[in-house]
Amino acid sequence: MRVLIIEDEPDLANLVARGLRHRGMAVDVAHDGRSGLEKATSQTYEVLVLDRDLPHVHGDAVCRALRDRAEDTRILMLTASGAIRDRVEGLSLGADDYLPKPFAFAELAARVEALARRSGPARPPVLSSNGLVLDEQRMRVSRDDREIDLNAKEFGVLRELMRDDGAVLSSEELLRRVWDENADPFTNTVRVTIMRLRRKLGDPDPVETVIGAGYRMRP
């Protein structure tokens, strides 16, 4: 799941980005509307966390521009004002959800995950395959009732493989979805993460390598 945060308060943006990355998401950050709009139109994001009051290009203009381009990105708009009129204005511009500041991170994360589920075909919040159960909100994974401790990247890779339900995902696509824009496209980090994931999940191996193509969950 790839998320873009456009927020001009660096401490807040970095705090939210760190928290979402801990939940296995690939997160990019921009601190003004102009650079944020450039990122949003040059990369594919499932969710955009958009501060309304931005320098250079206002958040309203960013939202309107993305909707004019018919971008599928779901937009969670942030604002310092919780007035109903402001919420209505934000939603009328094309935002999918609205969250006033200050907010609890747990609520923001839950809203981001809910929007991501709406960005494509309907997906349940709890995924299951080959005895594996992955609970997105609680960030828990178990296999045959045995709890499995995964780090954020391992969790993110497994989530994407389970979401695609047998479809082959290339290393490049997993890198795009789980890591951020600073990831080296020539790195072997995906292969190493898959190797660690297999070791933790145990036998029989639920992840299949498709030579020359990528990885998928075994049927």
N, C-alpha and C. Protein backbone atom coordinates (compact mmCIF):
# COMPACT_ATOMS: atom_id res chain seq x y z
N MET A 1 0.85 -1.19 0.00
CA MET A 1 0.00 0.00 0.00
C MET A 1 0.89 1.24 0.00
N ARG A 2 0.70 2.12 -0.97
CA ARG A 2 1.54 3.31 -1.08
C ARG A 2 0.73 4.55 -0.70
N VAL A 3 1.32 5.36 0.17
CA VAL A 3 0.64 6.54 0.72
C VAL A 3 1.53 7.77 0.51
N LEU A 4 0.91 8.88 0.16
CA LEU A 4 1.61 10.16 0.06
C LEU A 4 1.06 11.10 1.12
N ILE A 5 1.95 11.70 1.90
CA ILE A 5 1.56 12.69 2.90
C ILE A 5 2.02 14.06 2.41
N ILE A 6 1.08 14.99 2.28
CA ILE A 6 1.43 16.38 1.94
C ILE A 6 1.05 17.23 3.15
N GLU A 7 2.05 17.62 3.89
CA GLU A 7 1.86 18.32 5.17
C GLU A 7 3.04 19.25 5.38
N ASP A 8 2.76 20.54 5.64
CA ASP A 8 3.84 21.52 5.74
C ASP A 8 4.48 21.59 7.12
N GLU A 9 3.97 20.87 8.10
CA GLU A 9 4.62 20.79 9.41
C GLU A 9 5.53 19.56 9.40
N PRO A 10 6.84 19.76 9.26
CA PRO A 10 7.74 18.61 9.10
C PRO A 10 7.65 17.60 10.23
N ASP A 11 7.56 18.07 11.48
CA ASP A 11 7.52 17.13 12.61
C ASP A 11 6.28 16.25 12.53
N LEU A 12 5.14 16.86 12.22
CA LEU A 12 3.90 16.10 12.12
C LEU A 12 3.96 15.14 10.94
N ALA A 13 4.44 15.61 9.80
CA ALA A 13 4.53 14.76 8.61
C ALA A 13 5.42 13.56 8.87
N ASN A 14 6.57 13.79 9.49
CA ASN A 14 7.51 12.70 9.76
C ASN A 14 6.96 11.72 10.79
N LEU A 15 6.23 12.25 11.78
CA LEU A 15 5.64 11.39 12.80
C LEU A 15 4.60 10.46 12.19
N VAL A 16 3.72 11.03 11.34
CA VAL A 16 2.69 10.22 10.69
C VAL A 16 3.34 9.21 9.74
N ALA A 17 4.34 9.66 8.97
CA ALA A 17 5.01 8.76 8.03
C ALA A 17 5.65 7.60 8.76
N ARG A 18 6.31 7.89 9.88
CA ARG A 18 6.97 6.83 10.64
C ARG A 18 5.95 5.81 11.16
N GLY A 19 4.81 6.32 11.64
CA GLY A 19 3.79 5.43 12.16
C GLY A 19 3.19 4.55 11.07
N LEU A 20 2.93 5.11 9.89
CA LEU A 20 2.35 4.33 8.80
C LEU A 20 3.35 3.32 8.25
N ARG A 21 4.63 3.71 8.21
CA ARG A 21 5.65 2.76 7.77
C ARG A 21 5.74 1.58 8.73
N HIS A 22 5.56 1.87 10.01
CA HIS A 22 5.59 0.80 11.02
C HIS A 22 4.46 -0.18 10.77
N ARG A 23 3.41 0.26 10.08
CA ARG A 23 2.27 -0.61 9.75
C ARG A 23 2.44 -1.27 8.39
N GLY A 24 3.65 -1.20 7.84
CA GLY A 24 3.95 -1.91 6.60
C GLY A 24 3.61 -1.17 5.33
N MET A 25 3.37 0.14 5.41
CA MET A 25 3.02 0.91 4.23
C MET A 25 4.25 1.59 3.63
N ALA A 26 4.20 1.83 2.33
CA ALA A 26 5.23 2.64 1.66
C ALA A 26 4.75 4.08 1.70
N VAL A 27 5.54 4.96 2.30
CA VAL A 27 5.09 6.33 2.54
C VAL A 27 6.09 7.33 1.98
N ASP A 28 5.60 8.24 1.13
CA ASP A 28 6.39 9.37 0.64
C ASP A 28 5.83 10.65 1.28
N VAL A 29 6.66 11.68 1.36
CA VAL A 29 6.29 12.92 2.05
C VAL A 29 6.63 14.13 1.18
N ALA A 30 5.73 15.10 1.16
CA ALA A 30 6.00 16.41 0.55
C ALA A 30 5.54 17.47 1.54
N HIS A 31 6.22 18.63 1.54
CA HIS A 31 5.94 19.66 2.53
C HIS A 31 5.26 20.90 1.96
N ASP A 32 4.90 20.87 0.68
CA ASP A 32 4.14 21.99 0.11
C ASP A 32 3.27 21.46 -1.03
N GLY A 33 2.29 22.24 -1.43
CA GLY A 33 1.34 21.78 -2.42
C GLY A 33 1.93 21.54 -3.79
N ARG A 34 2.90 22.37 -4.18
CA ARG A 34 3.47 22.22 -5.53
C ARG A 34 4.22 20.90 -5.66
N SER A 35 5.14 20.63 -4.73
CA SER A 35 5.91 19.38 -4.83
C SER A 35 5.01 18.18 -4.57
N GLY A 36 3.99 18.35 -3.70
CA GLY A 36 3.07 17.26 -3.44
C GLY A 36 2.26 16.88 -4.67
N LEU A 37 1.81 17.89 -5.41
CA LEU A 37 1.05 17.64 -6.62
C LEU A 37 1.91 16.97 -7.68
N GLU A 38 3.18 17.36 -7.75
CA GLU A 38 4.10 16.72 -8.69
C GLU A 38 4.27 15.24 -8.37
N LYS A 39 4.42 14.93 -7.08
CA LYS A 39 4.57 13.52 -6.69
C LYS A 39 3.28 12.75 -6.98
N ALA A 40 2.15 13.36 -6.63
CA ALA A 40 0.86 12.67 -6.78
C ALA A 40 0.52 12.36 -8.22
N THR A 41 1.05 13.15 -9.15
CA THR A 41 0.74 12.93 -10.57
C THR A 41 1.83 12.15 -11.30
N SER A 42 2.94 11.88 -10.63
CA SER A 42 4.02 11.13 -11.28
C SER A 42 4.15 9.71 -10.72
N GLN A 43 3.51 9.47 -9.56
CA GLN A 43 3.52 8.14 -8.96
C GLN A 43 2.08 7.69 -8.73
N THR A 44 1.90 6.41 -8.46
CA THR A 44 0.58 5.88 -8.15
C THR A 44 0.47 5.66 -6.65
N TYR A 45 -0.51 6.28 -6.04
CA TYR A 45 -0.75 6.15 -4.60
C TYR A 45 -2.17 5.68 -4.35
N GLU A 46 -2.32 4.78 -3.38
CA GLU A 46 -3.66 4.37 -2.99
C GLU A 46 -4.35 5.45 -2.18
N VAL A 47 -3.58 6.10 -1.29
CA VAL A 47 -4.16 7.11 -0.40
C VAL A 47 -3.25 8.33 -0.32
N LEU A 48 -3.88 9.49 -0.30
CA LEU A 48 -3.19 10.78 -0.11
C LEU A 48 -3.69 11.41 1.17
N VAL A 49 -2.78 11.67 2.11
CA VAL A 49 -3.11 12.41 3.33
C VAL A 49 -2.74 13.86 3.06
N LEU A 50 -3.74 14.70 2.92
CA LEU A 50 -3.56 16.05 2.38
C LEU A 50 -3.96 17.12 3.38
N ASP A 51 -2.97 17.91 3.83
CA ASP A 51 -3.28 19.06 4.67
C ASP A 51 -3.95 20.13 3.79
N ARG A 52 -4.97 20.75 4.32
CA ARG A 52 -5.71 21.71 3.49
C ARG A 52 -4.96 23.04 3.34
N ASP A 53 -4.30 23.49 4.38
CA ASP A 53 -3.65 24.81 4.35
C ASP A 53 -2.17 24.62 4.03
N LEU A 54 -1.84 24.62 2.74
CA LEU A 54 -0.48 24.36 2.29
C LEU A 54 0.12 25.60 1.61
N PRO A 55 1.45 25.77 1.69
CA PRO A 55 2.10 26.85 0.94
C PRO A 55 2.23 26.52 -0.54
N HIS A 56 2.45 27.54 -1.35
CA HIS A 56 2.69 27.45 -2.80
C HIS A 56 1.43 27.06 -3.58
N VAL A 57 0.90 25.89 -3.30
CA VAL A 57 -0.38 25.48 -3.90
C VAL A 57 -1.28 25.00 -2.77
N HIS A 58 -2.44 25.63 -2.62
CA HIS A 58 -3.35 25.30 -1.52
C HIS A 58 -3.84 23.86 -1.65
N GLY A 59 -4.13 23.25 -0.50
CA GLY A 59 -4.63 21.88 -0.51
C GLY A 59 -5.90 21.72 -1.32
N ASP A 60 -6.77 22.73 -1.31
CA ASP A 60 -7.99 22.67 -2.12
C ASP A 60 -7.65 22.53 -3.60
N ALA A 61 -6.64 23.29 -4.05
CA ALA A 61 -6.25 23.24 -5.46
C ALA A 61 -5.63 21.89 -5.81
N VAL A 62 -4.87 21.31 -4.88
CA VAL A 62 -4.29 19.99 -5.10
C VAL A 62 -5.41 18.96 -5.27
N CYS A 63 -6.37 19.00 -4.36
CA CYS A 63 -7.50 18.06 -4.42
C CYS A 63 -8.27 18.21 -5.72
N ARG A 64 -8.56 19.45 -6.09
CA ARG A 64 -9.33 19.72 -7.31
C ARG A 64 -8.56 19.25 -8.55
N ALA A 65 -7.24 19.49 -8.57
CA ALA A 65 -6.43 19.09 -9.72
C ALA A 65 -6.42 17.58 -9.90
N LEU A 66 -6.33 16.84 -8.79
CA LEU A 66 -6.32 15.38 -8.88
C LEU A 66 -7.66 14.85 -9.35
N ARG A 67 -8.74 15.47 -8.89
CA ARG A 67 -10.06 15.02 -9.32
C ARG A 67 -10.32 15.38 -10.78
N ASP A 68 -9.79 16.52 -11.23
CA ASP A 68 -9.94 16.90 -12.63
C ASP A 68 -9.21 15.91 -13.55
N ARG A 69 -8.13 15.32 -13.04
CA ARG A 69 -7.37 14.34 -13.81
C ARG A 69 -7.95 12.93 -13.67
N ALA A 70 -9.03 12.83 -12.90
CA ALA A 70 -9.70 11.53 -12.66
C ALA A 70 -8.75 10.53 -12.01
N GLU A 71 -7.87 11.02 -11.13
CA GLU A 71 -6.99 10.12 -10.39
C GLU A 71 -7.80 9.27 -9.42
N ASP A 72 -7.41 8.00 -9.26
CA ASP A 72 -8.14 7.09 -8.39
C ASP A 72 -7.71 7.18 -6.93
N THR A 73 -6.69 7.96 -6.65
CA THR A 73 -6.18 8.07 -5.29
C THR A 73 -7.28 8.54 -4.33
N ARG A 74 -7.42 7.84 -3.20
CA ARG A 74 -8.35 8.27 -2.16
C ARG A 74 -7.69 9.36 -1.33
N ILE A 75 -8.46 10.41 -1.01
CA ILE A 75 -7.89 11.58 -0.34
C ILE A 75 -8.49 11.74 1.05
N LEU A 76 -7.60 11.77 2.04
CA LEU A 76 -7.97 12.09 3.42
C LEU A 76 -7.47 13.50 3.69
N MET A 77 -8.40 14.44 3.85
CA MET A 77 -8.03 15.84 4.03
C MET A 77 -7.91 16.18 5.51
N LEU A 78 -6.82 16.87 5.85
CA LEU A 78 -6.58 17.31 7.22
C LEU A 78 -6.76 18.82 7.30
N THR A 79 -7.28 19.31 8.42
CA THR A 79 -7.41 20.74 8.60
C THR A 79 -7.42 21.09 10.07
N ALA A 80 -6.99 22.30 10.37
CA ALA A 80 -7.02 22.77 11.76
C ALA A 80 -8.43 23.13 12.20
N SER A 81 -9.34 23.24 11.26
CA SER A 81 -10.72 23.61 11.59
C SER A 81 -11.62 22.38 11.54
N GLY A 82 -12.42 22.23 12.59
CA GLY A 82 -13.36 21.11 12.62
C GLY A 82 -14.78 21.54 12.34
N ALA A 83 -14.96 22.78 11.84
CA ALA A 83 -16.31 23.29 11.58
C ALA A 83 -16.97 22.47 10.47
N ILE A 84 -18.26 22.27 10.63
CA ILE A 84 -19.01 21.48 9.64
C ILE A 84 -18.89 22.10 8.26
N ARG A 85 -18.94 23.44 8.16
CA ARG A 85 -18.86 24.10 6.86
C ARG A 85 -17.55 23.75 6.16
N ASP A 86 -16.44 23.72 6.92
CA ASP A 86 -15.15 23.39 6.32
C ASP A 86 -15.12 21.94 5.86
N ARG A 87 -15.73 21.05 6.63
CA ARG A 87 -15.77 19.64 6.23
C ARG A 87 -16.55 19.48 4.92
N VAL A 88 -17.69 20.16 4.86
CA VAL A 88 -18.52 20.07 3.66
C VAL A 88 -17.76 20.60 2.44
N GLU A 89 -17.02 21.72 2.63
CA GLU A 89 -16.25 22.28 1.52
C GLU A 89 -15.18 21.30 1.05
N GLY A 90 -14.48 20.70 2.01
CA GLY A 90 -13.43 19.75 1.65
C GLY A 90 -13.98 18.56 0.89
N LEU A 91 -15.10 18.02 1.36
CA LEU A 91 -15.69 16.87 0.70
C LEU A 91 -16.24 17.23 -0.68
N SER A 92 -16.76 18.45 -0.80
CA SER A 92 -17.31 18.88 -2.09
C SER A 92 -16.22 19.06 -3.14
N LEU A 93 -14.98 19.25 -2.71
CA LEU A 93 -13.86 19.37 -3.65
C LEU A 93 -13.43 18.02 -4.19
N GLY A 94 -13.88 16.96 -3.53
CA GLY A 94 -13.52 15.62 -4.01
C GLY A 94 -12.77 14.78 -2.99
N ALA A 95 -12.56 15.32 -1.78
CA ALA A 95 -11.93 14.51 -0.74
C ALA A 95 -12.86 13.36 -0.37
N ASP A 96 -12.27 12.22 -0.01
CA ASP A 96 -13.05 11.05 0.36
C ASP A 96 -13.34 10.99 1.85
N ASP A 97 -12.51 11.66 2.64
CA ASP A 97 -12.68 11.68 4.09
C ASP A 97 -12.04 12.94 4.63
N TYR A 98 -12.35 13.25 5.88
CA TYR A 98 -11.95 14.53 6.45
C TYR A 98 -11.61 14.31 7.91
N LEU A 99 -10.47 14.82 8.36
CA LEU A 99 -10.05 14.62 9.76
C LEU A 99 -9.51 15.94 10.31
N PRO A 100 -10.16 16.48 11.35
CA PRO A 100 -9.67 17.74 11.93
C PRO A 100 -8.46 17.52 12.83
N LYS A 101 -7.59 18.52 12.88
CA LYS A 101 -6.45 18.51 13.81
C LYS A 101 -6.90 19.13 15.14
N PRO A 102 -6.32 18.70 16.26
CA PRO A 102 -5.41 17.56 16.41
C PRO A 102 -6.17 16.24 16.30
N PHE A 103 -5.46 15.19 15.93
CA PHE A 103 -6.10 13.89 15.76
C PHE A 103 -5.26 12.83 16.45
N ALA A 104 -5.90 11.70 16.73
CA ALA A 104 -5.18 10.55 17.27
C ALA A 104 -4.62 9.75 16.11
N PHE A 105 -3.36 9.35 16.21
CA PHE A 105 -2.75 8.61 15.10
C PHE A 105 -3.52 7.34 14.79
N ALA A 106 -4.01 6.65 15.82
CA ALA A 106 -4.74 5.40 15.60
C ALA A 106 -5.95 5.63 14.70
N GLU A 107 -6.63 6.77 14.88
CA GLU A 107 -7.79 7.06 14.03
C GLU A 107 -7.34 7.35 12.60
N LEU A 108 -6.27 8.15 12.44
CA LEU A 108 -5.78 8.44 11.09
C LEU A 108 -5.38 7.15 10.38
N ALA A 109 -4.65 6.26 11.06
CA ALA A 109 -4.22 5.01 10.44
C ALA A 109 -5.42 4.16 10.03
N ALA A 110 -6.44 4.11 10.89
CA ALA A 110 -7.64 3.33 10.56
C ALA A 110 -8.35 3.90 9.34
N ARG A 111 -8.40 5.23 9.24
CA ARG A 111 -9.05 5.87 8.09
C ARG A 111 -8.25 5.63 6.81
N VAL A 112 -6.92 5.70 6.90
CA VAL A 112 -6.07 5.43 5.74
C VAL A 112 -6.29 4.00 5.25
N GLU A 113 -6.32 3.05 6.17
CA GLU A 113 -6.51 1.65 5.78
C GLU A 113 -7.89 1.43 5.18
N ALA A 114 -8.91 2.10 5.75
CA ALA A 114 -10.27 1.96 5.21
C ALA A 114 -10.35 2.55 3.79
N LEU A 115 -9.70 3.69 3.57
CA LEU A 115 -9.69 4.29 2.23
C LEU A 115 -8.94 3.41 1.24
N ALA A 116 -7.84 2.80 1.69
CA ALA A 116 -7.08 1.93 0.80
C ALA A 116 -7.92 0.75 0.35
N ARG A 117 -8.75 0.23 1.24
CA ARG A 117 -9.61 -0.89 0.86
C ARG A 117 -10.64 -0.47 -0.18
N ARG A 118 -10.97 0.83 -0.20
CA ARG A 118 -11.93 1.33 -1.18
C ARG A 118 -11.28 1.72 -2.50
N SER A 119 -9.94 1.72 -2.55
CA SER A 119 -9.25 2.20 -3.75
C SER A 119 -9.22 1.16 -4.87
N GLY A 120 -9.61 -0.05 -4.57
CA GLY A 120 -9.65 -1.11 -5.58
C GLY A 120 -10.82 -2.01 -5.31
N PRO A 121 -10.77 -3.26 -5.78
CA PRO A 121 -11.84 -4.21 -5.49
C PRO A 121 -12.01 -4.37 -3.99
N ALA A 122 -13.25 -4.60 -3.55
CA ALA A 122 -13.53 -4.72 -2.12
C ALA A 122 -12.69 -5.84 -1.50
N ARG A 123 -12.03 -5.52 -0.37
CA ARG A 123 -11.19 -6.50 0.31
C ARG A 123 -11.57 -6.54 1.77
N PRO A 124 -11.62 -7.70 2.38
CA PRO A 124 -11.92 -7.78 3.80
C PRO A 124 -10.73 -7.30 4.63
N PRO A 125 -10.96 -6.77 5.85
CA PRO A 125 -9.84 -6.33 6.69
C PRO A 125 -9.02 -7.48 7.24
N VAL A 126 -9.59 -8.70 7.24
CA VAL A 126 -8.87 -9.89 7.68
C VAL A 126 -8.73 -10.82 6.48
N LEU A 127 -7.48 -11.15 6.11
CA LEU A 127 -7.19 -11.99 4.95
C LEU A 127 -6.79 -13.38 5.42
N SER A 128 -7.13 -14.39 4.64
CA SER A 128 -6.75 -15.75 5.01
C SER A 128 -6.35 -16.54 3.76
N SER A 129 -5.36 -17.40 3.93
CA SER A 129 -4.86 -18.23 2.83
C SER A 129 -3.92 -19.29 3.40
N ASN A 130 -4.11 -20.55 3.00
CA ASN A 130 -3.21 -21.63 3.40
C ASN A 130 -3.00 -21.71 4.91
N GLY A 131 -4.05 -21.51 5.67
CA GLY A 131 -3.93 -21.55 7.12
C GLY A 131 -3.41 -20.27 7.73
N LEU A 132 -3.02 -19.31 6.86
CA LEU A 132 -2.54 -18.01 7.34
C LEU A 132 -3.72 -17.06 7.55
N VAL A 133 -3.67 -16.29 8.62
CA VAL A 133 -4.67 -15.25 8.87
C VAL A 133 -3.94 -13.95 9.14
N LEU A 134 -4.25 -12.92 8.36
CA LEU A 134 -3.61 -11.60 8.51
C LEU A 134 -4.68 -10.57 8.84
N ASP A 135 -4.54 -9.96 10.01
CA ASP A 135 -5.47 -8.92 10.48
C ASP A 135 -4.79 -7.57 10.27
N GLU A 136 -5.28 -6.80 9.31
CA GLU A 136 -4.62 -5.53 8.96
C GLU A 136 -4.65 -4.53 10.10
N GLN A 137 -5.80 -4.36 10.75
CA GLN A 137 -5.92 -3.33 11.77
C GLN A 137 -5.08 -3.64 12.99
N ARG A 138 -5.07 -4.90 13.41
CA ARG A 138 -4.31 -5.28 14.61
C ARG A 138 -2.86 -5.62 14.29
N MET A 139 -2.53 -5.67 13.00
CA MET A 139 -1.19 -6.03 12.55
C MET A 139 -0.74 -7.36 13.15
N ARG A 140 -1.63 -8.33 13.06
CA ARG A 140 -1.34 -9.66 13.59
C ARG A 140 -1.39 -10.68 12.46
N VAL A 141 -0.47 -11.63 12.54
CA VAL A 141 -0.45 -12.74 11.59
C VAL A 141 -0.36 -14.03 12.38
N SER A 142 -1.15 -15.01 11.97
CA SER A 142 -1.07 -16.32 12.60
C SER A 142 -1.17 -17.39 11.52
N ARG A 143 -0.64 -18.56 11.85
CA ARG A 143 -0.77 -19.71 10.94
C ARG A 143 -1.16 -20.92 11.77
N ASP A 144 -2.30 -21.48 11.44
CA ASP A 144 -2.83 -22.61 12.21
C ASP A 144 -2.85 -22.28 13.70
N ASP A 145 -3.34 -21.07 13.99
CA ASP A 145 -3.50 -20.56 15.37
C ASP A 145 -2.18 -20.26 16.07
N ARG A 146 -1.07 -20.28 15.34
CA ARG A 146 0.23 -19.92 15.93
C ARG A 146 0.57 -18.49 15.55
N GLU A 147 0.77 -17.63 16.56
CA GLU A 147 1.13 -16.23 16.30
C GLU A 147 2.51 -16.15 15.66
N ILE A 148 2.63 -15.29 14.64
CA ILE A 148 3.91 -15.11 13.93
C ILE A 148 4.31 -13.65 14.05
N ASP A 149 5.51 -13.43 14.55
CA ASP A 149 6.02 -12.07 14.75
C ASP A 149 6.75 -11.60 13.50
N LEU A 150 6.17 -10.61 12.79
CA LEU A 150 6.77 -10.07 11.57
C LEU A 150 7.14 -8.61 11.78
N ASN A 151 8.22 -8.17 11.13
CA ASN A 151 8.51 -6.74 11.15
C ASN A 151 7.63 -6.04 10.10
N ALA A 152 7.73 -4.73 10.02
CA ALA A 152 6.81 -3.95 9.17
C ALA A 152 6.92 -4.33 7.70
N LYS A 153 8.12 -4.52 7.19
CA LYS A 153 8.29 -4.84 5.77
C LYS A 153 7.80 -6.25 5.46
N GLU A 154 8.09 -7.20 6.35
CA GLU A 154 7.61 -8.57 6.16
C GLU A 154 6.09 -8.59 6.15
N PHE A 155 5.49 -7.85 7.08
CA PHE A 155 4.03 -7.76 7.15
C PHE A 155 3.48 -7.15 5.86
N GLY A 156 4.13 -6.08 5.39
CA GLY A 156 3.66 -5.40 4.18
C GLY A 156 3.74 -6.29 2.96
N VAL A 157 4.83 -7.04 2.81
CA VAL A 157 4.97 -7.94 1.66
C VAL A 157 3.91 -9.04 1.71
N LEU A 158 3.73 -9.65 2.89
CA LEU A 158 2.73 -10.71 3.02
C LEU A 158 1.33 -10.17 2.74
N ARG A 159 1.03 -8.98 3.24
CA ARG A 159 -0.28 -8.38 3.00
C ARG A 159 -0.54 -8.19 1.50
N GLU A 160 0.44 -7.67 0.77
CA GLU A 160 0.24 -7.44 -0.66
C GLU A 160 0.07 -8.75 -1.42
N LEU A 161 0.85 -9.77 -1.05
CA LEU A 161 0.71 -11.07 -1.71
C LEU A 161 -0.66 -11.69 -1.43
N MET A 162 -1.12 -11.58 -0.18
CA MET A 162 -2.42 -12.15 0.17
C MET A 162 -3.55 -11.35 -0.46
N ARG A 163 -3.40 -10.05 -0.55
CA ARG A 163 -4.44 -9.22 -1.18
C ARG A 163 -4.64 -9.60 -2.65
N ASP A 164 -3.52 -9.91 -3.32
CA ASP A 164 -3.62 -10.19 -4.75
C ASP A 164 -4.01 -11.64 -5.03
N ASP A 165 -4.13 -12.44 -3.98
CA ASP A 165 -4.82 -13.73 -4.03
C ASP A 165 -4.38 -14.62 -5.20
N GLY A 166 -3.07 -14.89 -5.26
CA GLY A 166 -2.58 -15.80 -6.28
C GLY A 166 -2.00 -15.14 -7.51
N ALA A 167 -2.21 -13.84 -7.67
CA ALA A 167 -1.61 -13.12 -8.79
C ALA A 167 -0.10 -12.95 -8.53
N VAL A 168 0.66 -12.93 -9.60
CA VAL A 168 2.12 -12.79 -9.48
C VAL A 168 2.46 -11.31 -9.30
N LEU A 169 3.27 -11.02 -8.28
CA LEU A 169 3.77 -9.66 -8.06
C LEU A 169 5.28 -9.67 -8.25
N SER A 170 5.76 -8.81 -9.12
CA SER A 170 7.19 -8.72 -9.36
C SER A 170 7.89 -8.06 -8.18
N SER A 171 9.20 -8.22 -8.11
CA SER A 171 9.98 -7.54 -7.07
C SER A 171 9.82 -6.03 -7.17
N GLU A 172 9.75 -5.52 -8.41
CA GLU A 172 9.60 -4.08 -8.61
C GLU A 172 8.26 -3.59 -8.06
N GLU A 173 7.20 -4.38 -8.27
CA GLU A 173 5.89 -3.97 -7.77
C GLU A 173 5.83 -4.04 -6.25
N LEU A 174 6.41 -5.07 -5.66
CA LEU A 174 6.46 -5.15 -4.20
C LEU A 174 7.29 -4.00 -3.62
N LEU A 175 8.37 -3.66 -4.30
CA LEU A 175 9.20 -2.54 -3.86
C LEU A 175 8.40 -1.24 -3.89
N ARG A 176 7.59 -1.06 -4.94
CA ARG A 176 6.77 0.15 -5.06
C ARG A 176 5.70 0.23 -3.98
N ARG A 177 5.11 -0.91 -3.66
CA ARG A 177 3.99 -0.91 -2.72
C ARG A 177 4.40 -0.85 -1.26
N VAL A 178 5.55 -1.45 -0.93
CA VAL A 178 5.92 -1.62 0.48
C VAL A 178 7.04 -0.70 0.93
N TRP A 179 7.93 -0.31 0.00
CA TRP A 179 9.00 0.61 0.34
C TRP A 179 8.64 2.00 -0.17
N ASP A 180 9.46 3.02 0.08
CA ASP A 180 9.12 4.36 -0.36
C ASP A 180 9.95 4.76 -1.59
N GLU A 181 9.83 6.03 -1.98
CA GLU A 181 10.47 6.50 -3.21
C GLU A 181 11.99 6.47 -3.15
N ASN A 182 12.56 6.34 -1.96
CA ASN A 182 14.01 6.32 -1.81
C ASN A 182 14.61 4.92 -1.97
N ALA A 183 13.76 3.92 -2.14
CA ALA A 183 14.25 2.55 -2.28
C ALA A 183 15.04 2.39 -3.58
N ASP A 184 16.14 1.67 -3.49
CA ASP A 184 16.99 1.42 -4.66
C ASP A 184 16.34 0.33 -5.52
N PRO A 185 15.96 0.63 -6.77
CA PRO A 185 15.30 -0.38 -7.60
C PRO A 185 16.20 -1.58 -7.94
N PHE A 186 17.52 -1.45 -7.72
CA PHE A 186 18.44 -2.54 -8.03
C PHE A 186 18.83 -3.35 -6.79
N THR A 187 18.19 -3.04 -5.66
CA THR A 187 18.53 -3.73 -4.42
C THR A 187 17.92 -5.13 -4.40
N ASN A 188 18.48 -6.00 -3.56
CA ASN A 188 17.92 -7.35 -3.39
C ASN A 188 17.07 -7.43 -2.12
N THR A 189 16.63 -6.28 -1.63
CA THR A 189 15.91 -6.25 -0.36
C THR A 189 14.61 -7.04 -0.40
N VAL A 190 13.93 -7.06 -1.55
CA VAL A 190 12.69 -7.85 -1.64
C VAL A 190 13.00 -9.33 -1.48
N ARG A 191 14.01 -9.81 -2.17
CA ARG A 191 14.38 -11.22 -2.08
C ARG A 191 14.76 -11.60 -0.65
N VAL A 192 15.51 -10.72 0.01
CA VAL A 192 15.93 -11.00 1.38
C VAL A 192 14.72 -11.01 2.32
N THR A 193 13.78 -10.07 2.10
CA THR A 193 12.57 -10.02 2.93
C THR A 193 11.72 -11.26 2.73
N ILE A 194 11.57 -11.71 1.48
CA ILE A 194 10.82 -12.93 1.19
C ILE A 194 11.48 -14.13 1.88
N MET A 195 12.80 -14.18 1.87
CA MET A 195 13.53 -15.27 2.50
C MET A 195 13.26 -15.32 4.01
N ARG A 196 13.30 -14.13 4.65
CA ARG A 196 13.01 -14.07 6.08
C ARG A 196 11.56 -14.44 6.37
N LEU A 197 10.68 -13.97 5.50
CA LEU A 197 9.25 -14.24 5.67
C LEU A 197 8.98 -15.74 5.60
N ARG A 198 9.57 -16.41 4.63
CA ARG A 198 9.39 -17.86 4.49
C ARG A 198 9.88 -18.60 5.73
N ARG A 199 11.01 -18.15 6.26
CA ARG A 199 11.57 -18.81 7.44
C ARG A 199 10.61 -18.69 8.63
N LYS A 200 9.98 -17.53 8.77
CA LYS A 200 9.07 -17.32 9.89
C LYS A 200 7.73 -18.03 9.70
N LEU A 201 7.26 -18.11 8.45
CA LEU A 201 5.97 -18.74 8.19
C LEU A 201 6.05 -20.25 8.30
N GLY A 202 7.21 -20.82 8.03
CA GLY A 202 7.39 -22.26 8.18
C GLY A 202 6.89 -23.06 6.99
N ASP A 203 6.93 -24.38 7.15
CA ASP A 203 6.53 -25.30 6.09
C ASP A 203 5.08 -25.76 6.29
N PRO A 204 4.37 -26.09 5.21
CA PRO A 204 4.82 -25.94 3.81
C PRO A 204 4.87 -24.48 3.40
N ASP A 205 5.83 -24.14 2.54
CA ASP A 205 6.04 -22.75 2.12
C ASP A 205 4.80 -22.22 1.39
N PRO A 206 4.16 -21.17 1.92
CA PRO A 206 2.95 -20.64 1.27
C PRO A 206 3.25 -19.68 0.12
N VAL A 207 4.52 -19.28 -0.04
CA VAL A 207 4.90 -18.31 -1.08
C VAL A 207 5.62 -19.04 -2.20
N GLU A 208 5.15 -18.85 -3.41
CA GLU A 208 5.75 -19.49 -4.58
C GLU A 208 6.56 -18.48 -5.38
N THR A 209 7.78 -18.88 -5.77
CA THR A 209 8.60 -18.07 -6.67
C THR A 209 8.28 -18.46 -8.11
N VAL A 210 7.91 -17.48 -8.92
CA VAL A 210 7.65 -17.71 -10.34
C VAL A 210 8.89 -17.19 -11.08
N ILE A 211 9.68 -18.09 -11.58
CA ILE A 211 10.97 -17.73 -12.17
C ILE A 211 10.79 -16.66 -13.25
N GLY A 212 11.57 -15.59 -13.10
CA GLY A 212 11.56 -14.52 -14.09
C GLY A 212 10.37 -13.58 -13.99
N ALA A 213 9.47 -13.84 -13.02
CA ALA A 213 8.27 -13.00 -12.93
C ALA A 213 8.08 -12.38 -11.55
N GLY A 214 8.23 -13.18 -10.49
CA GLY A 214 8.03 -12.61 -9.16
C GLY A 214 7.53 -13.66 -8.17
N TYR A 215 6.59 -13.27 -7.35
CA TYR A 215 6.12 -14.12 -6.26
C TYR A 215 4.59 -14.10 -6.21
N ARG A 216 4.03 -15.18 -5.65
CA ARG A 216 2.60 -15.23 -5.42
C ARG A 216 2.29 -16.21 -4.29
N MET A 217 1.09 -16.10 -3.73
CA MET A 217 0.66 -17.07 -2.74
C MET A 217 0.28 -18.35 -3.46
N ARG A 218 0.66 -19.50 -2.88
CA ARG A 218 0.28 -20.77 -3.47
C ARG A 218 -1.23 -20.96 -3.37
N PRO A 219 -1.84 -21.55 -4.38
CA PRO A 219 -3.29 -21.75 -4.34
C PRO A 219 -3.66 -22.80 -3.30
